[in-house]
Amino acid sequence: MKLDKKQNRLRRARKGRAKIRELEVNRLSIHRTPRHIYAQIIGADGGTVVAAASTLEAEVRKGMKNGGNVEAASIVGARIAEKAKAKGVDTVAFDRSGFRYHGRVKALADAAREAGLKF
């Protein structure tokens, strides 16, 4: 049985999430679409969302022209780190959800690190 592009990505995501589950730490989970990028910090129990940010937020949208580029991902990365620090979270595991670590995913991660989030 041949897997399609989405099934392959979800298979890769399952591997990373299994390792994060063993570590029992908060995770910074991201999702990207062609038009937007989303980030959530999920609690160590795996069922609670501590903080969330995306290109759909009004504060983020006014600072950019397009939600599907590296600049927008950097803004979301800084915003999620800011929200996490406000909630008292400073260390997370990065869950890239099976997406390759380059482009928008890398920009979001780098911006979150620069804003003080450790992973």
N, C-alpha and C. Protein backbone atom coordinates (compact mmCIF):
# COMPACT_ATOMS: atom_id res chain seq x y z
N MET A 1 0.84 -1.18 0.00
CA MET A 1 0.00 0.00 0.00
C MET A 1 0.89 1.25 0.00
N LYS A 2 0.65 2.10 -0.95
CA LYS A 2 1.43 3.32 -1.07
C LYS A 2 0.79 4.44 -0.25
N LEU A 3 1.60 5.12 0.54
CA LEU A 3 1.11 6.22 1.37
C LEU A 3 1.18 7.52 0.58
N ASP A 4 0.23 8.40 0.81
CA ASP A 4 0.28 9.70 0.16
C ASP A 4 1.09 10.68 1.02
N LYS A 5 1.20 11.90 0.55
CA LYS A 5 2.04 12.91 1.19
C LYS A 5 1.62 13.18 2.64
N LYS A 6 0.32 13.31 2.88
CA LYS A 6 -0.17 13.61 4.22
C LYS A 6 0.06 12.43 5.17
N GLN A 7 -0.18 11.22 4.70
CA GLN A 7 0.03 10.03 5.54
C GLN A 7 1.50 9.88 5.92
N ASN A 8 2.40 10.17 4.99
CA ASN A 8 3.83 10.11 5.30
C ASN A 8 4.20 11.13 6.36
N ARG A 9 3.65 12.35 6.26
CA ARG A 9 3.93 13.39 7.25
C ARG A 9 3.42 12.98 8.62
N LEU A 10 2.22 12.43 8.67
CA LEU A 10 1.65 12.01 9.95
C LEU A 10 2.43 10.84 10.56
N ARG A 11 2.98 9.97 9.72
CA ARG A 11 3.81 8.88 10.22
C ARG A 11 5.08 9.45 10.86
N ARG A 12 5.70 10.43 10.19
CA ARG A 12 6.89 11.07 10.76
C ARG A 12 6.54 11.78 12.07
N ALA A 13 5.38 12.41 12.12
CA ALA A 13 4.95 13.14 13.33
C ALA A 13 4.77 12.17 14.49
N ARG A 14 4.22 11.00 14.23
CA ARG A 14 3.99 10.01 15.29
C ARG A 14 5.29 9.59 15.95
N LYS A 15 6.35 9.44 15.17
CA LYS A 15 7.65 9.05 15.72
C LYS A 15 8.18 10.10 16.70
N GLY A 16 8.14 11.36 16.28
CA GLY A 16 8.63 12.43 17.15
C GLY A 16 7.79 12.60 18.40
N ARG A 17 6.48 12.48 18.26
CA ARG A 17 5.60 12.65 19.41
C ARG A 17 5.75 11.52 20.41
N ALA A 18 6.08 10.33 19.94
CA ALA A 18 6.30 9.20 20.86
C ALA A 18 7.51 9.48 21.74
N LYS A 19 8.55 10.05 21.16
CA LYS A 19 9.75 10.38 21.93
C LYS A 19 9.46 11.50 22.93
N ILE A 20 8.72 12.51 22.51
CA ILE A 20 8.37 13.62 23.40
C ILE A 20 7.51 13.12 24.56
N ARG A 21 6.62 12.18 24.28
CA ARG A 21 5.77 11.62 25.33
C ARG A 21 6.62 10.94 26.41
N GLU A 22 7.70 10.26 26.00
CA GLU A 22 8.61 9.62 26.96
C GLU A 22 9.28 10.66 27.85
N LEU A 23 9.61 11.83 27.29
CA LEU A 23 10.30 12.88 28.03
C LEU A 23 9.40 13.56 29.06
N GLU A 24 8.08 13.52 28.84
CA GLU A 24 7.09 14.13 29.73
C GLU A 24 7.37 15.61 29.98
N VAL A 25 7.49 16.36 28.89
CA VAL A 25 7.69 17.81 28.96
C VAL A 25 6.63 18.50 28.10
N ASN A 26 6.49 19.81 28.28
CA ASN A 26 5.61 20.59 27.42
C ASN A 26 6.16 20.54 26.00
N ARG A 27 5.27 20.58 25.01
CA ARG A 27 5.76 20.56 23.64
C ARG A 27 5.22 21.73 22.85
N LEU A 28 6.08 22.27 22.01
CA LEU A 28 5.71 23.34 21.08
C LEU A 28 5.35 22.67 19.77
N SER A 29 4.05 22.56 19.50
CA SER A 29 3.56 21.89 18.31
C SER A 29 3.20 22.93 17.27
N ILE A 30 3.63 22.69 16.03
CA ILE A 30 3.33 23.63 14.96
C ILE A 30 2.53 22.94 13.87
N HIS A 31 1.82 23.73 13.11
CA HIS A 31 1.12 23.24 11.92
C HIS A 31 1.19 24.35 10.89
N ARG A 32 1.44 23.97 9.65
CA ARG A 32 1.50 24.99 8.60
C ARG A 32 0.60 24.61 7.44
N THR A 33 0.00 25.61 6.86
CA THR A 33 -0.78 25.47 5.65
C THR A 33 -0.19 26.47 4.66
N PRO A 34 -0.58 26.42 3.42
CA PRO A 34 -0.02 27.39 2.47
C PRO A 34 -0.29 28.85 2.84
N ARG A 35 -1.39 29.12 3.56
CA ARG A 35 -1.74 30.50 3.88
C ARG A 35 -1.42 30.94 5.30
N HIS A 36 -1.29 29.99 6.24
CA HIS A 36 -1.13 30.36 7.64
C HIS A 36 -0.17 29.41 8.34
N ILE A 37 0.26 29.79 9.54
CA ILE A 37 1.06 28.92 10.40
C ILE A 37 0.52 29.05 11.83
N TYR A 38 0.46 27.93 12.51
CA TYR A 38 -0.13 27.87 13.85
C TYR A 38 0.89 27.26 14.81
N ALA A 39 0.89 27.70 16.05
CA ALA A 39 1.77 27.15 17.08
C ALA A 39 1.00 27.01 18.38
N GLN A 40 1.22 25.88 19.07
CA GLN A 40 0.58 25.64 20.36
C GLN A 40 1.61 25.08 21.32
N ILE A 41 1.52 25.47 22.56
CA ILE A 41 2.31 24.79 23.60
C ILE A 41 1.33 23.92 24.35
N ILE A 42 1.57 22.61 24.28
CA ILE A 42 0.69 21.62 24.86
C ILE A 42 1.35 21.11 26.13
N GLY A 43 0.58 20.99 27.19
CA GLY A 43 1.09 20.55 28.48
C GLY A 43 1.67 19.16 28.45
N ALA A 44 2.43 18.81 29.49
CA ALA A 44 3.10 17.52 29.57
C ALA A 44 2.11 16.37 29.60
N ASP A 45 0.88 16.64 30.06
CA ASP A 45 -0.13 15.58 30.09
C ASP A 45 -0.68 15.29 28.70
N GLY A 46 -0.44 16.16 27.74
CA GLY A 46 -0.88 15.96 26.37
C GLY A 46 -2.30 16.38 26.10
N GLY A 47 -2.98 16.92 27.09
CA GLY A 47 -4.38 17.26 26.91
C GLY A 47 -4.74 18.72 27.14
N THR A 48 -3.80 19.52 27.59
CA THR A 48 -4.10 20.92 27.86
C THR A 48 -3.24 21.84 27.00
N VAL A 49 -3.87 22.87 26.45
CA VAL A 49 -3.14 23.85 25.66
C VAL A 49 -2.77 25.00 26.60
N VAL A 50 -1.48 25.21 26.77
CA VAL A 50 -0.98 26.25 27.67
C VAL A 50 -1.03 27.61 26.98
N ALA A 51 -0.59 27.65 25.72
CA ALA A 51 -0.58 28.89 24.96
C ALA A 51 -0.71 28.57 23.48
N ALA A 52 -1.24 29.51 22.72
CA ALA A 52 -1.40 29.33 21.28
C ALA A 52 -1.20 30.65 20.56
N ALA A 53 -0.68 30.57 19.34
CA ALA A 53 -0.50 31.75 18.50
C ALA A 53 -0.61 31.31 17.04
N SER A 54 -1.10 32.20 16.21
CA SER A 54 -1.19 31.89 14.79
C SER A 54 -1.25 33.18 13.99
N THR A 55 -1.21 33.04 12.69
CA THR A 55 -1.30 34.20 11.81
C THR A 55 -2.72 34.70 11.68
N LEU A 56 -3.67 34.05 12.34
CA LEU A 56 -5.06 34.49 12.30
C LEU A 56 -5.38 35.50 13.39
N GLU A 57 -4.49 35.69 14.36
CA GLU A 57 -4.73 36.65 15.44
C GLU A 57 -4.66 38.08 14.91
N ALA A 58 -5.51 38.93 15.44
CA ALA A 58 -5.59 40.31 14.96
C ALA A 58 -4.27 41.06 15.17
N GLU A 59 -3.61 40.85 16.32
CA GLU A 59 -2.35 41.55 16.60
C GLU A 59 -1.25 41.12 15.63
N VAL A 60 -1.28 39.88 15.23
CA VAL A 60 -0.27 39.36 14.30
C VAL A 60 -0.57 39.81 12.88
N ARG A 61 -1.83 39.81 12.50
CA ARG A 61 -2.22 40.14 11.13
C ARG A 61 -1.89 41.59 10.76
N LYS A 62 -1.98 42.51 11.74
CA LYS A 62 -1.74 43.90 11.39
C LYS A 62 -0.26 44.18 11.12
N GLY A 63 0.63 43.30 11.56
CA GLY A 63 2.05 43.50 11.35
C GLY A 63 2.61 42.83 10.12
N MET A 64 1.74 42.24 9.27
CA MET A 64 2.25 41.53 8.10
C MET A 64 1.30 41.66 6.92
N LYS A 65 1.80 41.34 5.75
CA LYS A 65 1.00 41.40 4.54
C LYS A 65 0.43 40.03 4.19
N ASN A 66 1.23 38.98 4.39
CA ASN A 66 0.86 37.62 3.99
C ASN A 66 1.13 36.67 5.15
N GLY A 67 0.24 35.74 5.42
CA GLY A 67 0.41 34.80 6.53
C GLY A 67 1.20 33.57 6.20
N GLY A 68 1.55 33.36 4.94
CA GLY A 68 2.22 32.13 4.55
C GLY A 68 3.66 32.32 4.15
N ASN A 69 4.40 33.18 4.86
CA ASN A 69 5.81 33.37 4.52
C ASN A 69 6.68 33.33 5.78
N VAL A 70 7.98 33.40 5.57
CA VAL A 70 8.94 33.29 6.66
C VAL A 70 8.80 34.44 7.66
N GLU A 71 8.50 35.61 7.18
CA GLU A 71 8.33 36.77 8.06
C GLU A 71 7.18 36.55 9.03
N ALA A 72 6.08 36.04 8.53
CA ALA A 72 4.92 35.76 9.38
C ALA A 72 5.24 34.68 10.41
N ALA A 73 5.99 33.66 9.99
CA ALA A 73 6.37 32.58 10.90
C ALA A 73 7.24 33.12 12.03
N SER A 74 8.12 34.06 11.73
CA SER A 74 8.97 34.67 12.75
C SER A 74 8.13 35.43 13.77
N ILE A 75 7.13 36.14 13.30
CA ILE A 75 6.25 36.89 14.20
C ILE A 75 5.50 35.94 15.12
N VAL A 76 5.00 34.83 14.57
CA VAL A 76 4.26 33.85 15.37
C VAL A 76 5.18 33.19 16.39
N GLY A 77 6.43 32.91 15.99
CA GLY A 77 7.40 32.32 16.92
C GLY A 77 7.68 33.22 18.11
N ALA A 78 7.86 34.50 17.85
CA ALA A 78 8.10 35.45 18.94
C ALA A 78 6.86 35.58 19.83
N ARG A 79 5.71 35.56 19.22
CA ARG A 79 4.44 35.69 19.97
C ARG A 79 4.19 34.49 20.87
N ILE A 80 4.45 33.28 20.38
CA ILE A 80 4.22 32.09 21.20
C ILE A 80 5.20 32.05 22.37
N ALA A 81 6.43 32.50 22.14
CA ALA A 81 7.41 32.54 23.23
C ALA A 81 6.99 33.56 24.29
N GLU A 82 6.48 34.69 23.85
CA GLU A 82 6.01 35.73 24.76
C GLU A 82 4.85 35.21 25.62
N LYS A 83 3.90 34.51 24.99
CA LYS A 83 2.76 33.97 25.73
C LYS A 83 3.20 32.86 26.69
N ALA A 84 4.16 32.04 26.27
CA ALA A 84 4.64 30.96 27.13
C ALA A 84 5.34 31.52 28.37
N LYS A 85 6.16 32.53 28.18
CA LYS A 85 6.86 33.15 29.31
C LYS A 85 5.86 33.74 30.29
N ALA A 86 4.77 34.31 29.77
CA ALA A 86 3.73 34.87 30.64
C ALA A 86 3.05 33.80 31.48
N LYS A 87 2.96 32.59 30.95
CA LYS A 87 2.35 31.46 31.67
C LYS A 87 3.35 30.71 32.54
N GLY A 88 4.62 31.10 32.50
CA GLY A 88 5.64 30.46 33.32
C GLY A 88 6.31 29.27 32.67
N VAL A 89 6.16 29.11 31.37
CA VAL A 89 6.81 28.01 30.64
C VAL A 89 8.04 28.56 29.96
N ASP A 90 9.20 27.96 30.24
CA ASP A 90 10.41 28.43 29.56
C ASP A 90 11.15 27.32 28.82
N THR A 91 10.82 26.06 29.06
CA THR A 91 11.46 24.94 28.38
C THR A 91 10.39 24.05 27.74
N VAL A 92 10.58 23.74 26.46
CA VAL A 92 9.64 22.90 25.72
C VAL A 92 10.41 21.94 24.83
N ALA A 93 9.71 20.95 24.29
CA ALA A 93 10.25 20.09 23.23
C ALA A 93 9.60 20.55 21.93
N PHE A 94 10.37 20.63 20.87
CA PHE A 94 9.85 21.13 19.59
C PHE A 94 9.25 19.99 18.78
N ASP A 95 7.96 20.08 18.53
CA ASP A 95 7.23 19.09 17.74
C ASP A 95 6.94 19.72 16.39
N ARG A 96 7.67 19.32 15.38
CA ARG A 96 7.51 19.93 14.05
C ARG A 96 6.40 19.28 13.24
N SER A 97 5.69 18.33 13.83
CA SER A 97 4.52 17.68 13.21
C SER A 97 4.82 17.02 11.88
N GLY A 98 6.03 16.52 11.72
CA GLY A 98 6.39 15.83 10.49
C GLY A 98 6.84 16.73 9.36
N PHE A 99 6.78 18.05 9.56
CA PHE A 99 7.24 18.97 8.53
C PHE A 99 8.76 19.06 8.57
N ARG A 100 9.38 19.27 7.41
CA ARG A 100 10.83 19.38 7.35
C ARG A 100 11.28 20.65 8.08
N TYR A 101 12.45 20.57 8.72
CA TYR A 101 12.97 21.70 9.50
C TYR A 101 13.72 22.65 8.57
N HIS A 102 12.97 23.44 7.83
CA HIS A 102 13.55 24.50 7.00
C HIS A 102 12.45 25.48 6.66
N GLY A 103 12.82 26.61 6.14
CA GLY A 103 11.83 27.60 5.74
C GLY A 103 11.04 28.16 6.91
N ARG A 104 9.71 28.08 6.82
CA ARG A 104 8.84 28.67 7.84
C ARG A 104 8.96 27.98 9.19
N VAL A 105 9.15 26.66 9.18
CA VAL A 105 9.28 25.92 10.43
C VAL A 105 10.54 26.36 11.17
N LYS A 106 11.63 26.48 10.44
CA LYS A 106 12.90 26.92 11.03
C LYS A 106 12.81 28.37 11.51
N ALA A 107 12.15 29.22 10.74
CA ALA A 107 12.00 30.63 11.13
C ALA A 107 11.21 30.76 12.42
N LEU A 108 10.14 29.98 12.56
CA LEU A 108 9.35 30.01 13.79
C LEU A 108 10.19 29.55 14.97
N ALA A 109 10.92 28.45 14.81
CA ALA A 109 11.75 27.92 15.89
C ALA A 109 12.84 28.92 16.29
N ASP A 110 13.50 29.52 15.32
CA ASP A 110 14.57 30.47 15.62
C ASP A 110 14.03 31.71 16.35
N ALA A 111 12.87 32.19 15.92
CA ALA A 111 12.27 33.37 16.59
C ALA A 111 11.86 33.04 18.01
N ALA A 112 11.34 31.84 18.24
CA ALA A 112 10.94 31.45 19.59
C ALA A 112 12.17 31.33 20.49
N ARG A 113 13.27 30.81 19.95
CA ARG A 113 14.51 30.71 20.74
C ARG A 113 15.04 32.10 21.08
N GLU A 114 15.03 33.00 20.11
CA GLU A 114 15.53 34.36 20.34
C GLU A 114 14.69 35.10 21.38
N ALA A 115 13.41 34.76 21.44
CA ALA A 115 12.51 35.41 22.41
C ALA A 115 12.60 34.78 23.79
N GLY A 116 13.44 33.76 23.97
CA GLY A 116 13.69 33.23 25.30
C GLY A 116 13.17 31.84 25.59
N LEU A 117 12.55 31.18 24.62
CA LEU A 117 12.06 29.82 24.83
C LEU A 117 13.22 28.84 24.60
N LYS A 118 13.38 27.87 25.49
CA LYS A 118 14.50 26.92 25.38
C LYS A 118 14.00 25.58 24.88
N PHE A 119 14.63 25.06 23.81
CA PHE A 119 14.36 23.71 23.31
C PHE A 119 15.50 23.26 22.43
